[in-house]
Amino acid sequence: MTYATDRIHEEIAYIAYHFHWSLEDILDLEHRDRRRFTEQIAALVNRGAGEG
């Protein structure tokens, strides 16, 4: 199974934007861990939006 290149770029940009991690650090993550971070960031962003 392959993972869409566009999707990987979206995940990388999302994590880098919110956590300010380097490309190298993000690419070192396992796919499952990268997905988990994007989900957690989204939850934090949505929670913050609901409080404002």
N, C-alpha and C. Protein backbone atom coordinates (compact mmCIF):
# COMPACT_ATOMS: atom_id res chain seq x y z
N MET A 1 0.84 -1.18 0.00
CA MET A 1 0.00 0.00 0.00
C MET A 1 0.89 1.25 0.00
N THR A 2 0.54 2.20 -0.81
CA THR A 2 1.29 3.46 -0.85
C THR A 2 0.47 4.56 -0.23
N TYR A 3 1.15 5.56 0.22
CA TYR A 3 0.51 6.70 0.86
C TYR A 3 0.70 7.89 -0.05
N ALA A 4 -0.36 8.60 -0.35
CA ALA A 4 -0.32 9.70 -1.31
C ALA A 4 0.70 10.76 -0.90
N THR A 5 1.51 11.15 -1.86
CA THR A 5 2.54 12.15 -1.61
C THR A 5 1.93 13.46 -1.13
N ASP A 6 0.81 13.86 -1.73
CA ASP A 6 0.15 15.10 -1.31
C ASP A 6 -0.25 15.02 0.16
N ARG A 7 -0.73 13.88 0.59
CA ARG A 7 -1.15 13.70 1.99
C ARG A 7 0.04 13.80 2.93
N ILE A 8 1.15 13.20 2.55
CA ILE A 8 2.36 13.29 3.38
C ILE A 8 2.80 14.74 3.51
N HIS A 9 2.78 15.47 2.40
CA HIS A 9 3.17 16.89 2.44
C HIS A 9 2.24 17.69 3.34
N GLU A 10 0.95 17.40 3.30
CA GLU A 10 -0.01 18.08 4.18
C GLU A 10 0.31 17.81 5.64
N GLU A 11 0.57 16.56 5.97
CA GLU A 11 0.90 16.20 7.35
C GLU A 11 2.18 16.90 7.81
N ILE A 12 3.19 16.90 6.96
CA ILE A 12 4.46 17.54 7.29
C ILE A 12 4.26 19.03 7.54
N ALA A 13 3.55 19.68 6.64
CA ALA A 13 3.31 21.12 6.78
C ALA A 13 2.52 21.42 8.05
N TYR A 14 1.53 20.61 8.34
CA TYR A 14 0.67 20.81 9.51
C TYR A 14 1.48 20.69 10.81
N ILE A 15 2.27 19.65 10.91
CA ILE A 15 3.09 19.44 12.11
C ILE A 15 4.16 20.52 12.22
N ALA A 16 4.83 20.82 11.12
CA ALA A 16 5.88 21.84 11.14
C ALA A 16 5.32 23.20 11.54
N TYR A 17 4.16 23.54 11.00
CA TYR A 17 3.53 24.83 11.30
C TYR A 17 3.19 24.95 12.78
N HIS A 18 2.62 23.92 13.35
CA HIS A 18 2.16 24.00 14.73
C HIS A 18 3.23 23.69 15.77
N PHE A 19 4.13 22.76 15.47
CA PHE A 19 5.14 22.36 16.45
C PHE A 19 6.52 22.95 16.16
N HIS A 20 6.70 23.51 14.95
CA HIS A 20 7.99 24.09 14.56
C HIS A 20 9.11 23.05 14.56
N TRP A 21 8.75 21.82 14.21
CA TRP A 21 9.74 20.76 14.08
C TRP A 21 10.38 20.82 12.70
N SER A 22 11.57 20.31 12.59
CA SER A 22 12.26 20.29 11.30
C SER A 22 11.69 19.19 10.41
N LEU A 23 11.91 19.34 9.13
CA LEU A 23 11.48 18.34 8.16
C LEU A 23 12.09 16.98 8.50
N GLU A 24 13.35 16.99 8.82
CA GLU A 24 14.05 15.75 9.16
C GLU A 24 13.40 15.05 10.36
N ASP A 25 13.08 15.81 11.40
CA ASP A 25 12.44 15.22 12.58
C ASP A 25 11.07 14.63 12.25
N ILE A 26 10.31 15.33 11.43
CA ILE A 26 8.98 14.85 11.08
C ILE A 26 9.07 13.60 10.21
N LEU A 27 9.99 13.59 9.24
CA LEU A 27 10.14 12.43 8.38
C LEU A 27 10.67 11.21 9.14
N ASP A 28 11.34 11.43 10.25
CA ASP A 28 11.83 10.32 11.07
C ASP A 28 10.70 9.60 11.81
N LEU A 29 9.53 10.24 11.89
CA LEU A 29 8.40 9.62 12.58
C LEU A 29 7.83 8.47 11.76
N GLU A 30 7.35 7.45 12.45
CA GLU A 30 6.59 6.40 11.80
C GLU A 30 5.29 7.00 11.29
N HIS A 31 4.75 6.43 10.24
CA HIS A 31 3.49 6.93 9.67
C HIS A 31 2.40 7.04 10.74
N ARG A 32 2.24 6.01 11.53
CA ARG A 32 1.22 5.99 12.59
C ARG A 32 1.42 7.14 13.57
N ASP A 33 2.66 7.40 13.95
CA ASP A 33 2.93 8.48 14.89
C ASP A 33 2.66 9.85 14.27
N ARG A 34 3.02 10.01 13.00
CA ARG A 34 2.76 11.28 12.32
C ARG A 34 1.26 11.53 12.23
N ARG A 35 0.48 10.51 11.92
CA ARG A 35 -0.98 10.64 11.87
C ARG A 35 -1.53 11.00 13.25
N ARG A 36 -0.99 10.38 14.28
CA ARG A 36 -1.45 10.67 15.65
C ARG A 36 -1.18 12.12 16.01
N PHE A 37 -0.01 12.64 15.66
CA PHE A 37 0.30 14.04 15.94
C PHE A 37 -0.65 14.97 15.19
N THR A 38 -0.94 14.67 13.93
CA THR A 38 -1.86 15.54 13.19
C THR A 38 -3.25 15.53 13.82
N GLU A 39 -3.68 14.37 14.28
CA GLU A 39 -5.00 14.29 14.94
C GLU A 39 -5.01 15.06 16.25
N GLN A 40 -3.94 14.96 17.01
CA GLN A 40 -3.87 15.68 18.29
C GLN A 40 -3.80 17.19 18.07
N ILE A 41 -3.05 17.63 17.08
CA ILE A 41 -2.99 19.05 16.77
C ILE A 41 -4.37 19.55 16.39
N ALA A 42 -5.06 18.80 15.53
CA ALA A 42 -6.41 19.20 15.10
C ALA A 42 -7.35 19.31 16.30
N ALA A 43 -7.25 18.39 17.24
CA ALA A 43 -8.09 18.43 18.43
C ALA A 43 -7.79 19.69 19.25
N LEU A 44 -6.51 20.02 19.40
CA LEU A 44 -6.14 21.22 20.15
C LEU A 44 -6.62 22.48 19.45
N VAL A 45 -6.46 22.52 18.13
CA VAL A 45 -6.89 23.69 17.37
C VAL A 45 -8.41 23.86 17.48
N ASN A 46 -9.14 22.77 17.33
CA ASN A 46 -10.60 22.84 17.42
C ASN A 46 -11.06 23.22 18.82
N ARG A 47 -10.39 22.71 19.83
CA ARG A 47 -10.73 23.06 21.21
C ARG A 47 -10.48 24.55 21.45
N GLY A 48 -9.34 25.05 20.95
CA GLY A 48 -9.01 26.46 21.08
C GLY A 48 -9.99 27.35 20.36
N ALA A 49 -10.44 26.91 19.21
CA ALA A 49 -11.42 27.69 18.44
C ALA A 49 -12.76 27.76 19.16
N GLY A 50 -13.08 26.71 19.87
CA GLY A 50 -14.34 26.68 20.61
C GLY A 50 -14.32 27.55 21.86
N GLU A 51 -13.13 27.82 22.36
CA GLU A 51 -13.00 28.63 23.57
C GLU A 51 -12.97 30.12 23.26
N GLY A 52 -12.69 30.46 22.01
CA GLY A 52 -12.51 31.86 21.63
C GLY A 52 -13.76 32.48 21.25
